[in-house]
Amino acid sequence: MISGRQIREARAMLKWDVATLHKRSSVDEGVIRRAENVDGTPSIMLFQAGLIQQAFERAGLRFGRGSGVLGPARDEEA
């Protein structure tokens, strides 16, 4: 499951505000804020975390096994 820290980092990398993530993921803004309030596993539904992660992945981000966020792969940038 995506961590609160990863959500914050991914939003910063993409320069998205909470409203933009809401529009792209269909997850309520309050849920996103609650998820971002922790560094580790957020207290949100698994499907909500999945929708958030999918929105970031559609924007080209990847997530490492740890707590990091990776930008697009080199071949995706071209």
PDB file of N, CA and C in Angstrom:
ATOM      1  N   MET A   1       0.852  -1.181   0.000  1.00  0.00           N
ATOM      2  CA  MET A   1       0.000   0.000   0.000  1.00  0.00           C
ATOM      3  C   MET A   1       0.891   1.235   0.000  1.00  0.00           C
ATOM      4  N   ILE A   2       0.498   2.225  -0.769  1.00  0.00           N
ATOM      5  CA  ILE A   2       1.218   3.483  -0.832  1.00  0.00           C
ATOM      6  C   ILE A   2       1.189   4.151   0.548  1.00  0.00           C
ATOM      7  N   SER A   3       2.298   4.753   0.939  1.00  0.00           N
ATOM      8  CA  SER A   3       2.379   5.395   2.260  1.00  0.00           C
ATOM      9  C   SER A   3       1.986   6.865   2.161  1.00  0.00           C
ATOM     10  N   GLY A   4       1.697   7.437   3.305  1.00  0.00           N
ATOM     11  CA  GLY A   4       1.391   8.862   3.344  1.00  0.00           C
ATOM     12  C   GLY A   4       2.561   9.698   2.836  1.00  0.00           C
ATOM     13  N   ARG A   5       3.754   9.286   3.200  1.00  0.00           N
ATOM     14  CA  ARG A   5       4.945  10.000   2.734  1.00  0.00           C
ATOM     15  C   ARG A   5       5.062   9.943   1.208  1.00  0.00           C
ATOM     16  N   GLN A   6       4.800   8.785   0.622  1.00  0.00           N
ATOM     17  CA  GLN A   6       4.863   8.644  -0.833  1.00  0.00           C
ATOM     18  C   GLN A   6       3.824   9.529  -1.518  1.00  0.00           C
ATOM     19  N   ILE A   7       2.647   9.640  -0.937  1.00  0.00           N
ATOM     20  CA  ILE A   7       1.617  10.498  -1.516  1.00  0.00           C
ATOM     21  C   ILE A   7       2.086  11.947  -1.505  1.00  0.00           C
ATOM     22  N   ARG A   8       2.616  12.396  -0.378  1.00  0.00           N
ATOM     23  CA  ARG A   8       3.130  13.776  -0.297  1.00  0.00           C
ATOM     24  C   ARG A   8       4.247  14.009  -1.307  1.00  0.00           C
ATOM     25  N   GLU A   9       5.187  13.067  -1.376  1.00  0.00           N
ATOM     26  CA  GLU A   9       6.323  13.210  -2.289  1.00  0.00           C
ATOM     27  C   GLU A   9       5.870  13.205  -3.745  1.00  0.00           C
ATOM     28  N   ALA A  10       4.956  12.318  -4.087  1.00  0.00           N
ATOM     29  CA  ALA A  10       4.479  12.230  -5.465  1.00  0.00           C
ATOM     30  C   ALA A  10       3.744  13.511  -5.859  1.00  0.00           C
ATOM     31  N   ARG A  11       2.920  14.028  -4.975  1.00  0.00           N
ATOM     32  CA  ARG A  11       2.213  15.280  -5.276  1.00  0.00           C
ATOM     33  C   ARG A  11       3.211  16.412  -5.498  1.00  0.00           C
ATOM     34  N   ALA A  12       4.246  16.455  -4.667  1.00  0.00           N
ATOM     35  CA  ALA A  12       5.265  17.503  -4.808  1.00  0.00           C
ATOM     36  C   ALA A  12       6.017  17.363  -6.134  1.00  0.00           C
ATOM     37  N   MET A  13       6.368  16.132  -6.504  1.00  0.00           N
ATOM     38  CA  MET A  13       7.082  15.910  -7.759  1.00  0.00           C
ATOM     39  C   MET A  13       6.267  16.367  -8.961  1.00  0.00           C
ATOM     40  N   LEU A  14       4.965  16.130  -8.907  1.00  0.00           N
ATOM     41  CA  LEU A  14       4.092  16.484 -10.019  1.00  0.00           C
ATOM     42  C   LEU A  14       3.544  17.908  -9.920  1.00  0.00           C
ATOM     43  N   LYS A  15       3.816  18.549  -8.769  1.00  0.00           N
ATOM     44  CA  LYS A  15       3.295  19.895  -8.504  1.00  0.00           C
ATOM     45  C   LYS A  15       1.761  19.916  -8.525  1.00  0.00           C
ATOM     46  N   TRP A  16       1.181  18.841  -7.972  1.00  0.00           N
ATOM     47  CA  TRP A  16      -0.268  18.735  -7.877  1.00  0.00           C
ATOM     48  C   TRP A  16      -0.711  19.209  -6.503  1.00  0.00           C
ATOM     49  N   ASP A  17      -1.814  19.930  -6.451  1.00  0.00           N
ATOM     50  CA  ASP A  17      -2.423  20.212  -5.160  1.00  0.00           C
ATOM     51  C   ASP A  17      -3.408  19.073  -4.851  1.00  0.00           C
ATOM     52  N   VAL A  18      -3.999  19.137  -3.672  1.00  0.00           N
ATOM     53  CA  VAL A  18      -4.915  18.070  -3.259  1.00  0.00           C
ATOM     54  C   VAL A  18      -6.111  17.984  -4.214  1.00  0.00           C
ATOM     55  N   ALA A  19      -6.583  19.135  -4.683  1.00  0.00           N
ATOM     56  CA  ALA A  19      -7.729  19.143  -5.594  1.00  0.00           C
ATOM     57  C   ALA A  19      -7.411  18.418  -6.908  1.00  0.00           C
ATOM     58  N   THR A  20      -6.193  18.589  -7.390  1.00  0.00           N
ATOM     59  CA  THR A  20      -5.803  17.908  -8.628  1.00  0.00           C
ATOM     60  C   THR A  20      -5.757  16.401  -8.425  1.00  0.00           C
ATOM     61  N   LEU A  21      -5.167  15.966  -7.300  1.00  0.00           N
ATOM     62  CA  LEU A  21      -5.131  14.531  -7.023  1.00  0.00           C
ATOM     63  C   LEU A  21      -6.544  13.988  -6.873  1.00  0.00           C
ATOM     64  N   HIS A  22      -7.414  14.738  -6.242  1.00  0.00           N
ATOM     65  CA  HIS A  22      -8.817  14.328  -6.110  1.00  0.00           C
ATOM     66  C   HIS A  22      -9.443  14.116  -7.489  1.00  0.00           C
ATOM     67  N   LYS A  23      -9.243  15.077  -8.399  1.00  0.00           N
ATOM     68  CA  LYS A  23      -9.820  14.977  -9.741  1.00  0.00           C
ATOM     69  C   LYS A  23      -9.276  13.782 -10.508  1.00  0.00           C
ATOM     70  N   ARG A  24      -8.000  13.498 -10.328  1.00  0.00           N
ATOM     71  CA  ARG A  24      -7.371  12.424 -11.098  1.00  0.00           C
ATOM     72  C   ARG A  24      -7.584  11.041 -10.498  1.00  0.00           C
ATOM     73  N   SER A  25      -7.930  10.985  -9.203  1.00  0.00           N
ATOM     74  CA  SER A  25      -8.086   9.694  -8.535  1.00  0.00           C
ATOM     75  C   SER A  25      -9.521   9.395  -8.110  1.00  0.00           C
ATOM     76  N   SER A  26     -10.365  10.413  -8.054  1.00  0.00           N
ATOM     77  CA  SER A  26     -11.740  10.301  -7.546  1.00  0.00           C
ATOM     78  C   SER A  26     -11.798   9.987  -6.059  1.00  0.00           C
ATOM     79  N   VAL A  27     -10.701  10.224  -5.357  1.00  0.00           N
ATOM     80  CA  VAL A  27     -10.668  10.024  -3.905  1.00  0.00           C
ATOM     81  C   VAL A  27     -10.945  11.373  -3.252  1.00  0.00           C
ATOM     82  N   ASP A  28     -11.812  11.374  -2.250  1.00  0.00           N
ATOM     83  CA  ASP A  28     -12.207  12.585  -1.558  1.00  0.00           C
ATOM     84  C   ASP A  28     -10.986  13.345  -1.014  1.00  0.00           C
ATOM     85  N   GLU A  29     -11.018  14.669  -1.090  1.00  0.00           N
ATOM     86  CA  GLU A  29      -9.909  15.491  -0.616  1.00  0.00           C
ATOM     87  C   GLU A  29      -9.609  15.256   0.865  1.00  0.00           C
ATOM     88  N   GLY A  30     -10.635  15.055   1.668  1.00  0.00           N
ATOM     89  CA  GLY A  30     -10.425  14.796   3.087  1.00  0.00           C
ATOM     90  C   GLY A  30      -9.678  13.491   3.327  1.00  0.00           C
ATOM     91  N   VAL A  31      -9.975  12.488   2.519  1.00  0.00           N
ATOM     92  CA  VAL A  31      -9.284  11.196   2.619  1.00  0.00           C
ATOM     93  C   VAL A  31      -7.814  11.376   2.243  1.00  0.00           C
ATOM     94  N   ILE A  32      -7.556  12.145   1.196  1.00  0.00           N
ATOM     95  CA  ILE A  32      -6.169  12.394   0.774  1.00  0.00           C
ATOM     96  C   ILE A  32      -5.402  13.106   1.883  1.00  0.00           C
ATOM     97  N   ARG A  33      -5.999  14.133   2.461  1.00  0.00           N
ATOM     98  CA  ARG A  33      -5.329  14.866   3.549  1.00  0.00           C
ATOM     99  C   ARG A  33      -5.055  13.954   4.743  1.00  0.00           C
ATOM    100  N   ARG A  34      -6.029  13.125   5.079  1.00  0.00           N
ATOM    101  CA  ARG A  34      -5.847  12.192   6.198  1.00  0.00           C
ATOM    102  C   ARG A  34      -4.710  11.222   5.905  1.00  0.00           C
ATOM    103  N   ALA A  35      -4.641  10.743   4.678  1.00  0.00           N
ATOM    104  CA  ALA A  35      -3.578   9.809   4.297  1.00  0.00           C
ATOM    105  C   ALA A  35      -2.212  10.464   4.399  1.00  0.00           C
ATOM    106  N   GLU A  36      -2.127  11.726   4.036  1.00  0.00           N
ATOM    107  CA  GLU A  36      -0.852  12.434   4.049  1.00  0.00           C
ATOM    108  C   GLU A  36      -0.389  12.821   5.448  1.00  0.00           C
ATOM    109  N   ASN A  37      -1.257  12.706   6.433  1.00  0.00           N
ATOM    110  CA  ASN A  37      -0.892  13.093   7.799  1.00  0.00           C
ATOM    111  C   ASN A  37       0.024  12.104   8.494  1.00  0.00           C
ATOM    112  N   VAL A  38       0.283  10.969   7.877  1.00  0.00           N
ATOM    113  CA  VAL A  38       1.184   9.967   8.459  1.00  0.00           C
ATOM    114  C   VAL A  38       2.300   9.678   7.464  1.00  0.00           C
ATOM    115  N   ASP A  39       3.432   9.242   7.976  1.00  0.00           N
ATOM    116  CA  ASP A  39       4.523   8.849   7.081  1.00  0.00           C
ATOM    117  C   ASP A  39       4.320   7.436   6.560  1.00  0.00           C
ATOM    118  N   GLY A  40       3.778   6.572   7.400  1.00  0.00           N
ATOM    119  CA  GLY A  40       3.636   5.167   7.049  1.00  0.00           C
ATOM    120  C   GLY A  40       2.299   4.865   6.391  1.00  0.00           C
ATOM    121  N   THR A  41       1.761   3.695   6.722  1.00  0.00           N
ATOM    122  CA  THR A  41       0.510   3.225   6.137  1.00  0.00           C
ATOM    123  C   THR A  41      -0.651   4.102   6.600  1.00  0.00           C
ATOM    124  N   PRO A  42      -1.349   4.723   5.665  1.00  0.00           N
ATOM    125  CA  PRO A  42      -2.460   5.596   6.051  1.00  0.00           C
ATOM    126  C   PRO A  42      -3.695   4.791   6.436  1.00  0.00           C
ATOM    127  N   SER A  43      -4.538   5.411   7.248  1.00  0.00           N
ATOM    128  CA  SER A  43      -5.775   4.739   7.675  1.00  0.00           C
ATOM    129  C   SER A  43      -6.887   5.074   6.675  1.00  0.00           C
ATOM    130  N   ILE A  44      -6.713   4.555   5.454  1.00  0.00           N
ATOM    131  CA  ILE A  44      -7.716   4.714   4.413  1.00  0.00           C
ATOM    132  C   ILE A  44      -7.993   3.331   3.834  1.00  0.00           C
ATOM    133  N   MET A  45      -9.056   3.236   3.072  1.00  0.00           N
ATOM    134  CA  MET A  45      -9.418   1.955   2.474  1.00  0.00           C
ATOM    135  C   MET A  45      -8.378   1.557   1.427  1.00  0.00           C
ATOM    136  N   LEU A  46      -8.160   0.272   1.291  1.00  0.00           N
ATOM    137  CA  LEU A  46      -7.179  -0.235   0.337  1.00  0.00           C
ATOM    138  C   LEU A  46      -7.503   0.214  -1.090  1.00  0.00           C
ATOM    139  N   PHE A  47      -8.776   0.204  -1.456  1.00  0.00           N
ATOM    140  CA  PHE A  47      -9.131   0.616  -2.819  1.00  0.00           C
ATOM    141  C   PHE A  47      -8.838   2.101  -3.030  1.00  0.00           C
ATOM    142  N   GLN A  48      -8.971   2.926  -1.980  1.00  0.00           N
ATOM    143  CA  GLN A  48      -8.654   4.348  -2.104  1.00  0.00           C
ATOM    144  C   GLN A  48      -7.157   4.549  -2.332  1.00  0.00           C
ATOM    145  N   ALA A  49      -6.354   3.808  -1.598  1.00  0.00           N
ATOM    146  CA  ALA A  49      -4.903   3.876  -1.790  1.00  0.00           C
ATOM    147  C   ALA A  49      -4.544   3.445  -3.203  1.00  0.00           C
ATOM    148  N   GLY A  50      -5.220   2.423  -3.700  1.00  0.00           N
ATOM    149  CA  GLY A  50      -4.977   1.954  -5.057  1.00  0.00           C
ATOM    150  C   GLY A  50      -5.334   2.998  -6.103  1.00  0.00           C
ATOM    151  N   LEU A  51      -6.456   3.691  -5.908  1.00  0.00           N
ATOM    152  CA  LEU A  51      -6.849   4.740  -6.850  1.00  0.00           C
ATOM    153  C   LEU A  51      -5.839   5.877  -6.868  1.00  0.00           C
ATOM    154  N   ILE A  52      -5.338   6.239  -5.688  1.00  0.00           N
ATOM    155  CA  ILE A  52      -4.327   7.299  -5.601  1.00  0.00           C
ATOM    156  C   ILE A  52      -3.058   6.869  -6.323  1.00  0.00           C
ATOM    157  N   GLN A  53      -2.597   5.657  -6.032  1.00  0.00           N
ATOM    158  CA  GLN A  53      -1.379   5.164  -6.670  1.00  0.00           C
ATOM    159  C   GLN A  53      -1.544   5.079  -8.182  1.00  0.00           C
ATOM    160  N   GLN A  54      -2.683   4.615  -8.649  1.00  0.00           N
ATOM    161  CA  GLN A  54      -2.934   4.513 -10.086  1.00  0.00           C
ATOM    162  C   GLN A  54      -2.903   5.882 -10.755  1.00  0.00           C
ATOM    163  N   ALA A  55      -3.430   6.902 -10.085  1.00  0.00           N
ATOM    164  CA  ALA A  55      -3.406   8.258 -10.651  1.00  0.00           C
ATOM    165  C   ALA A  55      -1.967   8.720 -10.839  1.00  0.00           C
ATOM    166  N   PHE A  56      -1.127   8.447  -9.847  1.00  0.00           N
ATOM    167  CA  PHE A  56       0.281   8.832  -9.961  1.00  0.00           C
ATOM    168  C   PHE A  56       0.984   8.026 -11.054  1.00  0.00           C
ATOM    169  N   GLU A  57       0.681   6.759 -11.144  1.00  0.00           N
ATOM    170  CA  GLU A  57       1.314   5.910 -12.158  1.00  0.00           C
ATOM    171  C   GLU A  57       0.892   6.321 -13.566  1.00  0.00           C
ATOM    172  N   ARG A  58      -0.360   6.725 -13.735  1.00  0.00           N
ATOM    173  CA  ARG A  58      -0.803   7.234 -15.042  1.00  0.00           C
ATOM    174  C   ARG A  58      -0.054   8.505 -15.414  1.00  0.00           C
ATOM    175  N   ALA A  59       0.395   9.256 -14.407  1.00  0.00           N
ATOM    176  CA  ALA A  59       1.161  10.488 -14.647  1.00  0.00           C
ATOM    177  C   ALA A  59       2.639  10.186 -14.859  1.00  0.00           C
ATOM    178  N   GLY A  60       3.029   8.909 -14.771  1.00  0.00           N
ATOM    179  CA  GLY A  60       4.399   8.514 -15.078  1.00  0.00           C
ATOM    180  C   GLY A  60       5.286   8.203 -13.897  1.00  0.00           C
ATOM    181  N   LEU A  61       4.771   8.291 -12.673  1.00  0.00           N
ATOM    182  CA  LEU A  61       5.598   7.978 -11.515  1.00  0.00           C
ATOM    183  C   LEU A  61       5.593   6.484 -11.236  1.00  0.00           C
ATOM    184  N   ARG A  62       6.645   6.043 -10.582  1.00  0.00           N
ATOM    185  CA  ARG A  62       6.752   4.655 -10.138  1.00  0.00           C
ATOM    186  C   ARG A  62       7.085   4.675  -8.655  1.00  0.00           C
ATOM    187  N   PHE A  63       6.788   3.594  -7.984  1.00  0.00           N
ATOM    188  CA  PHE A  63       7.006   3.509  -6.550  1.00  0.00           C
ATOM    189  C   PHE A  63       7.951   2.373  -6.238  1.00  0.00           C
ATOM    190  N   GLY A  64       8.984   2.678  -5.439  1.00  0.00           N
ATOM    191  CA  GLY A  64       9.947   1.668  -5.042  1.00  0.00           C
ATOM    192  C   GLY A  64       9.380   0.772  -3.960  1.00  0.00           C
ATOM    193  N   ARG A  65      10.105  -0.282  -3.662  1.00  0.00           N
ATOM    194  CA  ARG A  65       9.641  -1.215  -2.627  1.00  0.00           C
ATOM    195  C   ARG A  65       9.653  -0.572  -1.252  1.00  0.00           C
ATOM    196  N   GLY A  66      10.564   0.346  -1.045  1.00  0.00           N
ATOM    197  CA  GLY A  66      10.644   1.035   0.241  1.00  0.00           C
ATOM    198  C   GLY A  66       9.634   2.169   0.296  1.00  0.00           C
ATOM    199  N   SER A  67      10.116   3.306   0.709  1.00  0.00           N
ATOM    200  CA  SER A  67       9.205   4.434   0.869  1.00  0.00           C
ATOM    201  C   SER A  67       9.392   5.496  -0.194  1.00  0.00           C
ATOM    202  N   GLY A  68      10.155   5.200  -1.241  1.00  0.00           N
ATOM    203  CA  GLY A  68      10.471   6.218  -2.224  1.00  0.00           C
ATOM    204  C   GLY A  68       9.494   6.329  -3.379  1.00  0.00           C
ATOM    205  N   VAL A  69       9.637   7.439  -4.074  1.00  0.00           N
ATOM    206  CA  VAL A  69       8.885   7.686  -5.293  1.00  0.00           C
ATOM    207  C   VAL A  69       9.908   7.892  -6.390  1.00  0.00           C
ATOM    208  N   LEU A  70       9.725   7.202  -7.495  1.00  0.00           N
ATOM    209  CA  LEU A  70      10.647   7.301  -8.609  1.00  0.00           C
ATOM    210  C   LEU A  70       9.968   8.034  -9.745  1.00  0.00           C
ATOM    211  N   GLY A  71      10.719   8.858 -10.422  1.00  0.00           N
ATOM    212  CA  GLY A  71      10.190   9.555 -11.587  1.00  0.00           C
ATOM    213  C   GLY A  71       9.988   8.572 -12.720  1.00  0.00           C
ATOM    214  N   PRO A  72       9.603   9.071 -13.869  1.00  0.00           N
ATOM    215  CA  PRO A  72       9.390   8.190 -15.006  1.00  0.00           C
ATOM    216  C   PRO A  72      10.691   7.512 -15.431  1.00  0.00           C
ATOM    217  N   ALA A  73      10.567   6.326 -15.980  1.00  0.00           N
ATOM    218  CA  ALA A  73      11.729   5.627 -16.510  1.00  0.00           C
ATOM    219  C   ALA A  73      12.276   6.429 -17.684  1.00  0.00           C
ATOM    220  N   ARG A  74      13.532   6.308 -17.949  1.00  0.00           N
ATOM    221  CA  ARG A  74      14.187   7.079 -19.013  1.00  0.00           C
ATOM    222  C   ARG A  74      13.476   6.921 -20.362  1.00  0.00           C
ATOM    223  N   ASP A  75      13.077   5.703 -20.697  1.00  0.00           N
ATOM    224  CA  ASP A  75      12.442   5.501 -21.993  1.00  0.00           C
ATOM    225  C   ASP A  75      11.042   6.098 -22.051  1.00  0.00           C
ATOM    226  N   GLU A  76      10.429   6.369 -20.901  1.00  0.00           N
ATOM    227  CA  GLU A  76       9.123   6.990 -20.865  1.00  0.00           C
ATOM    228  C   GLU A  76       9.199   8.503 -21.048  1.00  0.00           C
ATOM    229  N   GLU A  77      10.390   9.085 -20.803  1.00  0.00           N
ATOM    230  CA  GLU A  77      10.551  10.529 -20.916  1.00  0.00           C
ATOM    231  C   GLU A  77      10.670  10.969 -22.361  1.00  0.00           C
ATOM    232  N   ALA A  78      11.128  10.092 -23.209  1.00  0.00           N
ATOM    233  CA  ALA A  78      11.379  10.475 -24.611  1.00  0.00           C
ATOM    234  C   ALA A  78      10.108  10.634 -25.394  1.00  0.00           C
TER     235      ALA A  78
END
